[in-house]
Amino acid sequence: NNKIDCYCTGIEIIKHRYLKSLKLLNEDNYKIDFINDDFKNIYLGNYDIIFCCNLVFSEIDNNMLYNKLNKEFKGYSILFNYNDKIKYNFISKHTVNTSWQDNVCVYLFYF
């Protein structure tokens, strides 16, 4: 059993992906809530760890994410993309296998 005992919140802006997430959750007993919203509307200070696949974000959205992390968040963040705005928060670089590709780079930060 590799389950971690924690409470999680997923934020998905795309409605059909949000609904698919809810359907998959009903198949098991996880402590997860999903919100159909945009990260820009969510206060990030309520979380300890943030995992965000920000590869598909525009430069403007990524800059908004980095600003929110710097202003609101205290904890660890795993991101797929970053720039110099958060280079002082950088801890390490890793690779992960994703649903779309193997050996994708992710970056660990502490804010």
C-alpha atoms as a PDB file:
ATOM      1  CA  ASN A   1       0.000   0.000   0.000  1.00  0.00           C
ATOM      2  CA  ASN A   2       1.640   3.233  -1.202  1.00  0.00           C
ATOM      3  CA  LYS A   3      -1.150   5.632  -0.206  1.00  0.00           C
ATOM      4  CA  ILE A   4      -0.221   8.754   1.722  1.00  0.00           C
ATOM      5  CA  ASP A   5      -2.598   9.916   4.436  1.00  0.00           C
ATOM      6  CA  CYS A   6      -3.182  13.537   3.479  1.00  0.00           C
ATOM      7  CA  TYR A   7      -5.878  15.878   2.241  1.00  0.00           C
ATOM      8  CA  CYS A   8      -5.561  17.201  -1.324  1.00  0.00           C
ATOM      9  CA  THR A   9      -7.270  19.790  -3.493  1.00  0.00           C
ATOM     10  CA  GLY A  10      -7.140  19.680  -7.267  1.00  0.00           C
ATOM     11  CA  ILE A  11      -7.829  22.776  -9.321  1.00  0.00           C
ATOM     12  CA  GLU A  12      -8.856  22.241 -12.920  1.00  0.00           C
ATOM     13  CA  ILE A  13      -9.966  25.068 -15.182  1.00  0.00           C
ATOM     14  CA  ILE A  14     -11.241  22.880 -18.051  1.00  0.00           C
ATOM     15  CA  LYS A  15     -14.764  21.651 -17.298  1.00  0.00           C
ATOM     16  CA  HIS A  16     -14.572  18.221 -18.980  1.00  0.00           C
ATOM     17  CA  ARG A  17     -11.257  17.431 -17.251  1.00  0.00           C
ATOM     18  CA  TYR A  18     -12.757  18.503 -13.933  1.00  0.00           C
ATOM     19  CA  LEU A  19     -15.781  16.214 -14.470  1.00  0.00           C
ATOM     20  CA  LYS A  20     -13.485  13.318 -15.471  1.00  0.00           C
ATOM     21  CA  SER A  21     -11.505  13.859 -12.255  1.00  0.00           C
ATOM     22  CA  LEU A  22     -14.694  13.679 -10.191  1.00  0.00           C
ATOM     23  CA  LYS A  23     -15.692  10.450 -11.935  1.00  0.00           C
ATOM     24  CA  LEU A  24     -12.294   8.859 -11.262  1.00  0.00           C
ATOM     25  CA  LEU A  25     -12.465   9.909  -7.609  1.00  0.00           C
ATOM     26  CA  ASN A  26     -15.752   8.075  -7.160  1.00  0.00           C
ATOM     27  CA  GLU A  27     -13.945   4.850  -8.042  1.00  0.00           C
ATOM     28  CA  ASP A  28     -11.789   4.953  -4.884  1.00  0.00           C
ATOM     29  CA  ASN A  29     -11.818   6.449  -1.397  1.00  0.00           C
ATOM     30  CA  TYR A  30      -9.379   9.366  -1.485  1.00  0.00           C
ATOM     31  CA  LYS A  31      -9.331  12.532   0.594  1.00  0.00           C
ATOM     32  CA  ILE A  32      -9.391  14.793  -2.452  1.00  0.00           C
ATOM     33  CA  ASP A  33     -11.562  17.727  -3.442  1.00  0.00           C
ATOM     34  CA  PHE A  34     -11.625  19.107  -6.940  1.00  0.00           C
ATOM     35  CA  ILE A  35     -12.421  22.705  -7.795  1.00  0.00           C
ATOM     36  CA  ASN A  36     -13.458  23.802 -11.271  1.00  0.00           C
ATOM     37  CA  ASP A  37     -11.717  27.177 -11.267  1.00  0.00           C
ATOM     38  CA  ASP A  38      -8.573  29.077 -12.224  1.00  0.00           C
ATOM     39  CA  PHE A  39      -5.534  29.216  -9.917  1.00  0.00           C
ATOM     40  CA  LYS A  40      -5.743  33.011 -10.172  1.00  0.00           C
ATOM     41  CA  ASN A  41      -8.912  32.902  -8.069  1.00  0.00           C
ATOM     42  CA  ILE A  42      -7.508  30.599  -5.371  1.00  0.00           C
ATOM     43  CA  TYR A  43      -5.549  31.745  -2.305  1.00  0.00           C
ATOM     44  CA  LEU A  44      -2.400  29.597  -2.349  1.00  0.00           C
ATOM     45  CA  GLY A  45      -1.513  30.254   1.291  1.00  0.00           C
ATOM     46  CA  ASN A  46      -3.859  27.463   2.405  1.00  0.00           C
ATOM     47  CA  TYR A  47      -1.604  24.726   1.016  1.00  0.00           C
ATOM     48  CA  ASP A  48       1.675  23.075   2.056  1.00  0.00           C
ATOM     49  CA  ILE A  49       2.655  21.568  -1.294  1.00  0.00           C
ATOM     50  CA  ILE A  50       1.722  22.747  -4.774  1.00  0.00           C
ATOM     51  CA  PHE A  51       2.167  20.598  -7.865  1.00  0.00           C
ATOM     52  CA  CYS A  52       1.418  22.489 -11.047  1.00  0.00           C
ATOM     53  CA  CYS A  53       1.870  21.418 -14.654  1.00  0.00           C
ATOM     54  CA  ASN A  54       2.470  24.939 -15.894  1.00  0.00           C
ATOM     55  CA  LEU A  55       3.945  23.919 -19.250  1.00  0.00           C
ATOM     56  CA  VAL A  56       0.750  24.893 -21.051  1.00  0.00           C
ATOM     57  CA  PHE A  57       0.473  28.284 -19.324  1.00  0.00           C
ATOM     58  CA  SER A  58       1.108  31.446 -21.298  1.00  0.00           C
ATOM     59  CA  GLU A  59       4.018  33.635 -20.232  1.00  0.00           C
ATOM     60  CA  ILE A  60       1.507  36.011 -18.610  1.00  0.00           C
ATOM     61  CA  ASP A  61      -0.139  33.175 -16.657  1.00  0.00           C
ATOM     62  CA  ASN A  62       3.217  31.780 -15.548  1.00  0.00           C
ATOM     63  CA  ASN A  63       4.254  35.233 -14.319  1.00  0.00           C
ATOM     64  CA  MET A  64       0.961  35.474 -12.414  1.00  0.00           C
ATOM     65  CA  LEU A  65       1.639  32.041 -10.884  1.00  0.00           C
ATOM     66  CA  TYR A  66       5.179  33.003  -9.850  1.00  0.00           C
ATOM     67  CA  ASN A  67       3.923  36.245  -8.290  1.00  0.00           C
ATOM     68  CA  LYS A  68       1.187  34.393  -6.365  1.00  0.00           C
ATOM     69  CA  LEU A  69       3.697  31.823  -5.116  1.00  0.00           C
ATOM     70  CA  ASN A  70       6.057  34.571  -3.942  1.00  0.00           C
ATOM     71  CA  LYS A  71       3.294  36.588  -2.251  1.00  0.00           C
ATOM     72  CA  GLU A  72       0.934  33.957  -0.823  1.00  0.00           C
ATOM     73  CA  PHE A  73       2.628  30.595  -0.553  1.00  0.00           C
ATOM     74  CA  LYS A  74       4.888  29.084   2.106  1.00  0.00           C
ATOM     75  CA  GLY A  75       5.928  25.540   1.292  1.00  0.00           C
ATOM     76  CA  TYR A  76       7.196  23.268  -1.457  1.00  0.00           C
ATOM     77  CA  SER A  77       6.192  23.634  -5.077  1.00  0.00           C
ATOM     78  CA  ILE A  78       6.809  21.266  -7.964  1.00  0.00           C
ATOM     79  CA  LEU A  79       6.608  22.993 -11.337  1.00  0.00           C
ATOM     80  CA  PHE A  80       7.273  21.913 -14.901  1.00  0.00           C
ATOM     81  CA  ASN A  81       8.485  25.351 -15.989  1.00  0.00           C
ATOM     82  CA  TYR A  82      10.017  28.411 -14.370  1.00  0.00           C
ATOM     83  CA  ASN A  83      12.079  31.519 -15.008  1.00  0.00           C
ATOM     84  CA  ASP A  84      14.417  33.828 -13.106  1.00  0.00           C
ATOM     85  CA  LYS A  85      11.568  35.318 -11.031  1.00  0.00           C
ATOM     86  CA  ILE A  86      11.773  32.255  -8.781  1.00  0.00           C
ATOM     87  CA  LYS A  87      15.405  31.186  -9.201  1.00  0.00           C
ATOM     88  CA  TYR A  88      16.199  31.983  -5.549  1.00  0.00           C
ATOM     89  CA  ASN A  89      13.525  29.472  -4.487  1.00  0.00           C
ATOM     90  CA  PHE A  90      14.998  26.662  -6.608  1.00  0.00           C
ATOM     91  CA  ILE A  91      16.033  23.469  -4.781  1.00  0.00           C
ATOM     92  CA  SER A  92      16.515  20.740  -7.391  1.00  0.00           C
ATOM     93  CA  LYS A  93      15.654  19.401 -10.838  1.00  0.00           C
ATOM     94  CA  HIS A  94      14.179  15.922 -11.404  1.00  0.00           C
ATOM     95  CA  THR A  95      12.650  13.861 -14.198  1.00  0.00           C
ATOM     96  CA  VAL A  96       9.275  12.137 -14.069  1.00  0.00           C
ATOM     97  CA  ASN A  97       7.228   9.978 -16.386  1.00  0.00           C
ATOM     98  CA  THR A  98       3.944  11.616 -17.336  1.00  0.00           C
ATOM     99  CA  SER A  99       0.885  10.491 -19.280  1.00  0.00           C
ATOM    100  CA  TRP A 100       2.233  12.300 -22.350  1.00  0.00           C
ATOM    101  CA  GLN A 101       5.993  11.567 -22.183  1.00  0.00           C
ATOM    102  CA  ASP A 102       8.731   9.854 -20.174  1.00  0.00           C
ATOM    103  CA  ASN A 103      11.629  11.721 -18.565  1.00  0.00           C
ATOM    104  CA  VAL A 104       9.981  15.132 -18.316  1.00  0.00           C
ATOM    105  CA  CYS A 105      11.829  17.716 -16.203  1.00  0.00           C
ATOM    106  CA  VAL A 106      10.210  19.037 -13.043  1.00  0.00           C
ATOM    107  CA  TYR A 107      11.640  21.592 -10.645  1.00  0.00           C
ATOM    108  CA  LEU A 108      11.351  21.662  -6.873  1.00  0.00           C
ATOM    109  CA  PHE A 109      11.133  25.019  -5.091  1.00  0.00           C
ATOM    110  CA  TYR A 110      10.651  26.236  -1.551  1.00  0.00           C
ATOM    111  CA  PHE A 111       8.836  29.511  -0.943  1.00  0.00           C
END
